Amino acid sequence: MTEDDHSRTGVGRRVRAARKLAPGLTQAALAARMHVSTSLVKAVEQGRVPASPAFVAAAARALSMTVYDLYEQPTPRFGVERAGVSELETAVMAGPALAGDAAGVALSDLAARVRHIAALQRRSRYDASSAELPDLLADLHTAAALVTGDHDSEHVHNMLATVYGAAVICLHRLGSSLTGQAAERAAHSAQCSGDPLLAALADAEVGLPLMHRGAYEPAQRITDRARDGLVDQPTGDGVLSIRGYLHLRSAILAARKGDRQSSDSHLAEARHCGQHLPELADLYDTAFCSANVTIHAVAAAVELGDGTTAVGRDEPLPAGTMTSRLGHHHVDLARAWLLHGDRDKAFASLQTARRIAPQLTRYHPQVRETLSVLAETDRRRTDSLSGFARWAGIAM
């Protein structure tokens, strides 16, 4: 890797460096392995086009790397916000072995702490939640070992599934590779919760880490299986929420595979589900509602590389839309505006995302990709862009 490669960040630089270490691997040869055009590989390597999640997944496979390698996750540039990650990873690995011999905590107190974690997650406060999750998991596993009676046991396992689900998102946002193990823990706990809808949702969430790694086919099979499992459940708000949520997952998966027709079909199914729910519904912590369909419609178009359609799909979101969803939406809008050719609006969307959800924005790999392209091609390098890039760990 050259000195210039070391001094800059961005997937393109890392792809270029890895390719040059492989004897005879030209841009054309890499493109053939990835099933993309040579011009796209060249543009990404030169920092003129941001690497999409689908591009990163294909490049990782072609170069025998992981998406975490190419995204440089966990990034070495930050420390304070990730202070609780190592302990949380240890807690996830330990699982039931966390249970202690001391008297258990009252279930009502545990439930209050679970609600507190959920509130932190909705505000994208991953530093705070990662600091509290290990002790809460230990107390919940202790309660699971000590509790008597089916009702209380199911209640504890319901809380365990919820907390492990929070750990999945927290670990992913803060750049940990243990999201898959946390998802498996959540699924196992949900099977003991007595709630078939929670069990179906937790089973589906096992596919989320696969999606982030670019394993789209198995992620889609897991999602389809979970959705098919809802067929025999009585239709109600809970079923509609989970079914709609899973259709949104499928819409993004299809878009990353380049299947516009399937993506649009899943968006239409999700929109139908959302029409029968309250404006800001959030059953089973899915945040599924009509506003979330709009957010995913924009995201799907971005994944297809169609910035014009993405910005055209944007609509005002209702007051009270979840902070984490809003932050992610503006990250997607930044990518959309960049694809559309409006760099000023792209940067403005990043600034909005930072204001709404700073931790999500700082650690989101697509934020760093968008910033890298803006910094690479903007020779004016305004103070505001330079300051944002420094905050996000982008060398300019």
Protein backbone atom coordinates (compact mmCIF):
# COMPACT_ATOMS: atom_id res chain seq x y z
CA MET A 1 0.00 0.00 0.00
CA THR A 2 1.42 3.39 -0.94
CA GLU A 3 1.84 6.35 1.40
CA ASP A 4 -1.12 7.97 -0.35
CA ASP A 5 -3.26 4.89 0.32
CA HIS A 6 -2.31 5.03 4.01
CA SER A 7 -3.14 8.71 4.31
CA ARG A 8 -6.64 8.47 2.88
CA THR A 9 -9.70 6.51 3.86
CA GLY A 10 -12.44 5.00 1.78
CA VAL A 11 -13.32 1.61 0.37
CA GLY A 12 -11.92 2.49 -3.04
CA ARG A 13 -8.44 3.01 -1.63
CA ARG A 14 -8.54 -0.29 0.21
CA VAL A 15 -9.86 -2.15 -2.83
CA ARG A 16 -7.06 -0.67 -4.94
CA ALA A 17 -4.41 -1.60 -2.36
CA ALA A 18 -5.70 -5.18 -1.99
CA ARG A 19 -5.97 -5.63 -5.75
CA LYS A 20 -2.37 -4.56 -6.25
CA LEU A 21 -1.22 -7.23 -3.80
CA ALA A 22 -2.76 -9.93 -5.99
CA PRO A 23 -0.43 -10.82 -8.89
CA GLY A 24 -1.87 -9.84 -12.25
CA LEU A 25 -5.22 -8.70 -10.88
CA THR A 26 -6.12 -5.77 -13.10
CA GLN A 27 -9.18 -3.58 -12.74
CA ALA A 28 -10.78 -5.49 -15.60
CA ALA A 29 -10.03 -8.84 -13.97
CA LEU A 30 -11.44 -7.69 -10.63
CA ALA A 31 -14.54 -6.35 -12.37
CA ALA A 32 -15.06 -9.72 -14.04
CA ARG A 33 -14.85 -11.49 -10.67
CA MET A 34 -17.33 -9.03 -9.21
CA HIS A 35 -19.70 -9.11 -12.20
CA VAL A 36 -19.60 -5.32 -12.54
CA SER A 37 -18.17 -2.98 -15.16
CA THR A 38 -14.51 -2.06 -15.29
CA SER A 39 -15.51 1.60 -15.37
CA LEU A 40 -17.30 1.20 -12.01
CA VAL A 41 -14.25 -0.42 -10.39
CA LYS A 42 -12.07 2.37 -11.75
CA ALA A 43 -14.44 5.09 -10.54
CA VAL A 44 -14.67 3.62 -7.03
CA GLU A 45 -10.91 3.10 -6.77
CA GLN A 46 -10.33 6.71 -7.81
CA GLY A 47 -12.83 7.98 -5.26
CA ARG A 48 -15.20 9.46 -7.84
CA VAL A 49 -18.12 7.17 -6.96
CA PRO A 50 -19.02 5.88 -3.47
CA ALA A 51 -18.89 2.13 -2.99
CA SER A 52 -22.40 0.81 -2.44
CA PRO A 53 -22.99 -2.04 0.04
CA ALA A 54 -23.49 -4.42 -2.91
CA PHE A 55 -20.17 -3.28 -4.44
CA VAL A 56 -18.37 -3.74 -1.11
CA ALA A 57 -19.80 -7.25 -0.70
CA ALA A 58 -18.80 -8.26 -4.23
CA ALA A 59 -15.30 -6.78 -3.84
CA ALA A 60 -14.81 -8.54 -0.51
CA ARG A 61 -15.69 -11.91 -2.04
CA ALA A 62 -13.47 -11.30 -5.07
CA LEU A 63 -10.52 -10.28 -2.92
CA SER A 64 -11.01 -12.98 -0.23
CA MET A 65 -11.70 -10.32 2.38
CA THR A 66 -14.69 -9.36 4.51
CA VAL A 67 -16.85 -6.27 4.31
CA TYR A 68 -15.44 -5.32 7.72
CA ASP A 69 -11.94 -5.29 6.20
CA LEU A 70 -13.01 -2.97 3.39
CA TYR A 71 -15.04 -0.71 5.64
CA GLU A 72 -12.20 -0.77 8.20
CA GLN A 73 -14.54 -1.74 11.00
CA PRO A 74 -14.04 -1.37 13.85
CA THR A 75 -12.26 1.82 12.94
CA PRO A 76 -9.15 2.57 15.02
CA ARG A 77 -9.88 6.30 14.92
CA PHE A 78 -12.42 6.38 17.73
CA GLY A 79 -12.31 5.09 21.27
CA VAL A 80 -14.68 6.77 23.72
CA GLU A 81 -17.93 5.84 21.99
CA ARG A 82 -16.80 2.21 21.61
CA ALA A 83 -15.66 1.90 25.24
CA GLY A 84 -18.40 -0.60 26.10
CA VAL A 85 -18.15 -2.76 22.99
CA SER A 86 -15.55 -5.25 24.24
CA GLU A 87 -17.49 -6.02 27.42
CA LEU A 88 -20.72 -6.36 25.45
CA GLU A 89 -19.04 -8.76 23.04
CA THR A 90 -17.86 -10.84 26.00
CA ALA A 91 -21.39 -10.88 27.45
CA VAL A 92 -22.83 -12.04 24.13
CA MET A 93 -20.28 -14.85 23.91
CA ALA A 94 -20.95 -15.91 27.50
CA GLY A 95 -24.75 -15.96 27.20
CA PRO A 96 -26.35 -18.17 29.88
CA ALA A 97 -22.97 -18.48 31.63
CA LEU A 98 -23.55 -14.90 32.80
CA ALA A 99 -26.07 -16.18 35.35
CA GLY A 100 -24.84 -15.66 38.90
CA ASP A 101 -25.60 -17.26 42.25
CA ALA A 102 -26.95 -14.13 43.94
CA ALA A 103 -30.62 -13.47 44.46
CA GLY A 104 -32.32 -12.32 41.31
CA VAL A 105 -33.56 -8.79 40.58
CA ALA A 106 -37.30 -8.17 40.63
CA LEU A 107 -38.88 -8.70 37.21
CA SER A 108 -40.54 -5.29 37.36
CA ASP A 109 -37.13 -3.64 37.80
CA LEU A 110 -35.70 -5.66 34.92
CA ALA A 111 -38.63 -4.64 32.71
CA ALA A 112 -37.99 -0.97 33.48
CA ARG A 113 -34.32 -1.37 32.51
CA VAL A 114 -35.32 -3.09 29.27
CA ARG A 115 -37.61 -0.18 28.41
CA HIS A 116 -34.74 2.21 29.16
CA ILE A 117 -32.42 0.35 26.78
CA ALA A 118 -35.08 0.47 24.07
CA ALA A 119 -35.39 4.23 24.54
CA LEU A 120 -31.61 4.67 24.21
CA GLN A 121 -31.58 2.62 21.03
CA ARG A 122 -34.38 4.68 19.48
CA ARG A 123 -32.26 7.80 20.06
CA SER A 124 -29.15 6.10 18.62
CA ARG A 125 -27.35 6.35 21.99
CA TYR A 126 -25.25 3.27 21.36
CA ASP A 127 -22.45 4.30 23.73
CA ALA A 128 -24.89 4.43 26.64
CA SER A 129 -26.73 1.23 25.72
CA SER A 130 -23.52 -0.76 25.16
CA ALA A 131 -22.37 0.30 28.64
CA GLU A 132 -25.57 -0.94 30.29
CA LEU A 133 -26.30 -4.07 28.26
CA PRO A 134 -23.74 -6.47 29.83
CA ASP A 135 -25.06 -6.06 33.39
CA LEU A 136 -28.64 -6.25 32.20
CA LEU A 137 -27.94 -9.46 30.27
CA ALA A 138 -26.29 -10.95 33.35
CA ASP A 139 -29.27 -10.09 35.55
CA LEU A 140 -31.73 -11.44 32.97
CA HIS A 141 -29.86 -14.73 32.63
CA THR A 142 -29.75 -14.98 36.42
CA ALA A 143 -33.50 -14.42 36.51
CA ALA A 144 -34.03 -17.04 33.80
CA ALA A 145 -32.10 -19.58 35.88
CA LEU A 146 -33.98 -18.80 39.11
CA VAL A 147 -37.52 -18.03 38.01
CA THR A 148 -40.32 -20.53 38.55
CA GLY A 149 -43.59 -20.77 36.69
CA ASP A 150 -44.19 -20.74 32.95
CA HIS A 151 -45.55 -17.19 32.86
CA ASP A 152 -42.56 -15.60 34.57
CA SER A 153 -40.13 -17.74 32.57
CA GLU A 154 -41.71 -16.61 29.31
CA HIS A 155 -41.60 -13.00 30.50
CA VAL A 156 -37.87 -13.21 31.24
CA HIS A 157 -37.11 -14.83 27.89
CA ASN A 158 -39.19 -12.17 26.14
CA MET A 159 -36.98 -9.53 27.77
CA LEU A 160 -33.83 -11.49 26.89
CA ALA A 161 -34.88 -11.64 23.24
CA THR A 162 -35.55 -7.91 23.25
CA VAL A 163 -32.22 -7.06 24.86
CA TYR A 164 -30.22 -9.34 22.58
CA GLY A 165 -32.04 -7.72 19.69
CA ALA A 166 -30.85 -4.34 20.96
CA ALA A 167 -27.33 -5.77 21.20
CA VAL A 168 -27.50 -6.78 17.52
CA ILE A 169 -28.16 -3.20 16.43
CA CYS A 170 -25.74 -1.70 18.93
CA LEU A 171 -22.87 -3.98 17.92
CA HIS A 172 -23.54 -3.44 14.23
CA ARG A 173 -23.61 0.33 14.54
CA LEU A 174 -20.37 0.36 16.53
CA GLY A 175 -18.54 -1.92 14.11
CA SER A 176 -18.49 -5.31 15.83
CA SER A 177 -18.49 -8.61 13.97
CA LEU A 178 -20.42 -10.42 16.74
CA THR A 179 -23.85 -9.31 15.55
CA GLY A 180 -24.57 -12.81 14.26
CA GLN A 181 -24.02 -14.44 17.65
CA ALA A 182 -26.20 -11.83 19.34
CA ALA A 183 -28.94 -12.52 16.79
CA GLU A 184 -28.74 -16.26 17.48
CA ARG A 185 -29.04 -15.55 21.22
CA ALA A 186 -32.13 -13.43 20.57
CA ALA A 187 -33.72 -16.13 18.43
CA HIS A 188 -33.13 -18.82 21.06
CA SER A 189 -34.63 -16.65 23.81
CA ALA A 190 -37.62 -15.76 21.66
CA GLN A 191 -38.42 -19.44 21.15
CA CYS A 192 -38.92 -19.68 24.91
CA SER A 193 -41.00 -16.49 25.19
CA GLY A 194 -44.38 -18.00 24.42
CA ASP A 195 -44.91 -15.36 21.71
CA PRO A 196 -44.94 -16.85 18.19
CA LEU A 197 -44.72 -13.39 16.59
CA LEU A 198 -41.62 -12.46 18.57
CA ALA A 199 -40.13 -15.86 17.68
CA ALA A 200 -40.78 -15.28 13.97
CA LEU A 201 -39.26 -11.81 14.10
CA ALA A 202 -36.18 -12.98 16.02
CA ASP A 203 -35.66 -15.82 13.55
CA ALA A 204 -35.75 -13.28 10.73
CA GLU A 205 -33.22 -11.04 12.47
CA VAL A 206 -30.63 -13.80 12.17
CA GLY A 207 -30.53 -12.78 8.52
CA LEU A 208 -29.63 -9.16 9.33
CA PRO A 209 -25.90 -9.80 9.96
CA LEU A 210 -25.83 -11.90 6.78
CA MET A 211 -27.29 -8.97 4.89
CA HIS A 212 -24.62 -6.65 6.28
CA ARG A 213 -21.94 -9.12 5.13
CA GLY A 214 -23.39 -9.20 1.63
CA ALA A 215 -24.74 -12.76 1.89
CA TYR A 216 -28.00 -11.72 0.23
CA GLU A 217 -29.33 -15.10 -0.86
CA PRO A 218 -29.30 -16.80 2.58
CA ALA A 219 -30.55 -13.57 4.16
CA GLN A 220 -33.47 -13.58 1.72
CA ARG A 221 -34.27 -17.24 2.43
CA ILE A 222 -34.35 -16.54 6.16
CA THR A 223 -36.61 -13.53 5.61
CA ASP A 224 -38.96 -15.48 3.31
CA ARG A 225 -39.18 -18.35 5.79
CA ALA A 226 -40.06 -16.01 8.65
CA ARG A 227 -42.72 -14.24 6.57
CA ASP A 228 -44.21 -17.54 5.41
CA GLY A 229 -44.41 -18.61 9.05
CA LEU A 230 -46.90 -15.80 9.70
CA VAL A 231 -49.48 -17.20 7.27
CA ASP A 232 -51.33 -19.20 9.92
CA GLN A 233 -51.33 -16.36 12.48
CA PRO A 234 -54.56 -14.35 12.90
CA THR A 235 -54.22 -11.03 11.10
CA GLY A 236 -53.82 -8.15 13.52
CA ASP A 237 -51.59 -5.16 14.11
CA GLY A 238 -48.72 -7.34 15.30
CA VAL A 239 -48.78 -9.60 12.25
CA LEU A 240 -49.13 -6.62 9.90
CA SER A 241 -46.18 -4.89 11.57
CA ILE A 242 -43.85 -7.87 11.29
CA ARG A 243 -45.03 -8.81 7.81
CA GLY A 244 -44.56 -5.24 6.59
CA TYR A 245 -41.16 -5.01 8.26
CA LEU A 246 -40.02 -8.20 6.53
CA HIS A 247 -41.27 -6.94 3.17
CA LEU A 248 -39.09 -3.86 3.68
CA ARG A 249 -36.11 -6.10 4.42
CA SER A 250 -36.82 -8.01 1.21
CA ALA A 251 -37.13 -4.76 -0.76
CA ILE A 252 -33.61 -3.73 0.25
CA LEU A 253 -32.20 -7.20 -0.39
CA ALA A 254 -33.73 -7.26 -3.86
CA ALA A 255 -32.39 -3.79 -4.59
CA ARG A 256 -28.87 -4.79 -3.57
CA LYS A 257 -29.15 -7.70 -5.98
CA GLY A 258 -30.23 -5.30 -8.72
CA ASP A 259 -33.80 -6.64 -8.94
CA ARG A 260 -35.91 -3.48 -9.25
CA GLN A 261 -39.15 -5.31 -9.99
CA SER A 262 -39.00 -7.49 -6.88
CA SER A 263 -37.92 -4.53 -4.76
CA ASP A 264 -40.89 -2.46 -5.91
CA SER A 265 -43.24 -5.41 -5.35
CA HIS A 266 -42.11 -5.80 -1.74
CA LEU A 267 -42.45 -2.05 -1.18
CA ALA A 268 -46.04 -2.23 -2.47
CA GLU A 269 -46.82 -5.10 -0.08
CA ALA A 270 -45.28 -3.18 2.82
CA ARG A 271 -47.24 -0.06 1.91
CA HIS A 272 -50.47 -2.10 2.00
CA CYS A 273 -49.63 -3.36 5.49
CA GLY A 274 -48.80 0.15 6.68
CA GLN A 275 -52.16 1.54 5.57
CA HIS A 276 -53.88 -0.49 8.29
CA LEU A 277 -51.64 0.69 11.14
CA PRO A 278 -51.39 3.93 13.16
CA GLU A 279 -49.22 6.68 11.69
CA LEU A 280 -46.26 6.05 14.00
CA ALA A 281 -46.80 2.42 14.93
CA ASP A 282 -43.87 0.66 16.64
CA LEU A 283 -44.99 -2.85 17.54
CA TYR A 284 -42.27 -5.33 18.45
CA ASP A 285 -39.70 -2.53 18.15
CA THR A 286 -39.96 -2.69 14.35
CA ALA A 287 -40.94 0.97 13.93
CA PHE A 288 -42.98 -0.30 11.00
CA CYS A 289 -45.48 2.26 9.71
CA SER A 290 -46.17 4.22 6.52
CA ALA A 291 -43.32 6.62 7.27
CA ASN A 292 -40.91 3.71 7.41
CA VAL A 293 -42.14 2.56 4.00
CA THR A 294 -41.22 5.98 2.61
CA ILE A 295 -37.78 5.74 4.22
CA HIS A 296 -37.15 2.32 2.69
CA ALA A 297 -38.49 3.36 -0.71
CA VAL A 298 -35.78 6.02 -0.85
CA ALA A 299 -33.16 3.55 0.42
CA ALA A 300 -34.11 0.91 -2.15
CA ALA A 301 -33.70 3.35 -5.02
CA VAL A 302 -30.29 4.36 -3.66
CA GLU A 303 -29.22 0.72 -3.50
CA LEU A 304 -30.22 0.43 -7.15
CA GLY A 305 -27.98 3.40 -7.92
CA ASP A 306 -30.93 5.54 -8.98
CA GLY A 307 -30.49 8.84 -7.18
CA THR A 308 -33.13 10.65 -9.22
CA THR A 309 -35.85 8.17 -8.28
CA ALA A 310 -34.65 8.20 -4.67
CA VAL A 311 -34.98 11.96 -4.21
CA GLY A 312 -38.31 11.86 -6.04
CA ARG A 313 -39.63 9.34 -3.52
CA ASP A 314 -38.76 11.51 -0.53
CA GLU A 315 -41.76 12.87 1.35
CA PRO A 316 -42.11 14.86 4.59
CA LEU A 317 -42.07 12.49 7.53
CA PRO A 318 -44.46 12.96 10.45
CA ALA A 319 -43.33 14.62 13.65
CA GLY A 320 -42.27 11.97 16.12
CA THR A 321 -40.58 9.69 13.58
CA MET A 322 -37.95 7.68 15.44
CA THR A 323 -34.57 9.42 15.70
CA SER A 324 -32.59 6.43 14.48
CA ARG A 325 -34.85 6.10 11.42
CA LEU A 326 -34.58 9.80 10.64
CA GLY A 327 -30.81 9.71 10.91
CA HIS A 328 -30.54 6.72 8.61
CA HIS A 329 -32.96 8.36 6.17
CA HIS A 330 -30.79 11.44 5.81
CA VAL A 331 -27.71 9.25 5.33
CA ASP A 332 -29.56 7.62 2.43
CA LEU A 333 -30.67 11.01 1.11
CA ALA A 334 -27.04 12.16 1.09
CA ARG A 335 -26.16 9.20 -1.11
CA ALA A 336 -29.21 9.90 -3.26
CA TRP A 337 -28.30 13.54 -3.84
CA LEU A 338 -24.71 12.58 -4.62
CA LEU A 339 -25.93 10.07 -7.22
CA HIS A 340 -28.32 12.70 -8.54
CA GLY A 341 -25.44 15.14 -8.98
CA ASP A 342 -26.20 17.71 -6.27
CA ARG A 343 -23.19 17.77 -3.98
CA ASP A 344 -24.46 20.67 -1.85
CA LYS A 345 -27.67 18.85 -0.96
CA ALA A 346 -25.69 15.67 -0.33
CA PHE A 347 -23.54 17.43 2.25
CA ALA A 348 -26.56 19.20 3.73
CA SER A 349 -28.22 15.81 4.25
CA LEU A 350 -25.12 14.54 6.04
CA GLN A 351 -25.18 17.58 8.31
CA THR A 352 -28.84 16.92 9.10
CA ALA A 353 -28.07 13.27 9.88
CA ARG A 354 -25.27 14.34 12.20
CA ARG A 355 -27.53 16.76 14.04
CA ILE A 356 -30.30 14.17 14.46
CA ALA A 357 -28.27 11.02 15.20
CA PRO A 358 -24.58 11.81 15.69
CA GLN A 359 -23.38 8.35 16.73
CA LEU A 360 -25.23 6.58 13.93
CA THR A 361 -23.82 9.11 11.46
CA ARG A 362 -20.25 8.97 12.71
CA TYR A 363 -20.01 5.20 12.46
CA HIS A 364 -22.13 4.54 9.38
CA PRO A 365 -19.83 3.22 6.62
CA GLN A 366 -21.88 4.87 3.88
CA VAL A 367 -21.40 8.25 5.55
CA ARG A 368 -17.67 7.76 5.33
CA GLU A 369 -17.99 6.68 1.70
CA THR A 370 -20.07 9.73 0.80
CA LEU A 371 -17.67 12.03 2.62
CA SER A 372 -14.68 10.39 0.95
CA VAL A 373 -16.12 11.08 -2.50
CA LEU A 374 -17.02 14.66 -1.59
CA ALA A 375 -13.54 15.25 -0.21
CA GLU A 376 -11.79 13.54 -3.13
CA THR A 377 -13.54 15.55 -5.81
CA ASP A 378 -14.02 18.87 -4.01
CA ARG A 379 -10.75 20.73 -4.38
CA ARG A 380 -12.23 23.80 -2.68
CA ARG A 381 -12.53 21.80 0.53
CA THR A 382 -14.58 24.21 2.55
CA ASP A 383 -14.00 24.53 6.28
CA SER A 384 -17.36 22.92 6.99
CA LEU A 385 -16.57 19.88 4.83
CA SER A 386 -13.08 19.59 6.33
CA GLY A 387 -14.44 19.82 9.85
CA PHE A 388 -17.10 17.20 9.18
CA ALA A 389 -14.51 14.90 7.64
CA ARG A 390 -12.22 15.23 10.66
CA TRP A 391 -15.14 14.48 12.97
CA ALA A 392 -15.91 11.33 10.95
CA GLY A 393 -12.27 10.24 10.77
CA ILE A 394 -11.80 10.99 7.06
CA ALA A 395 -8.28 12.06 6.07
CA MET A 396 -8.37 14.80 3.42
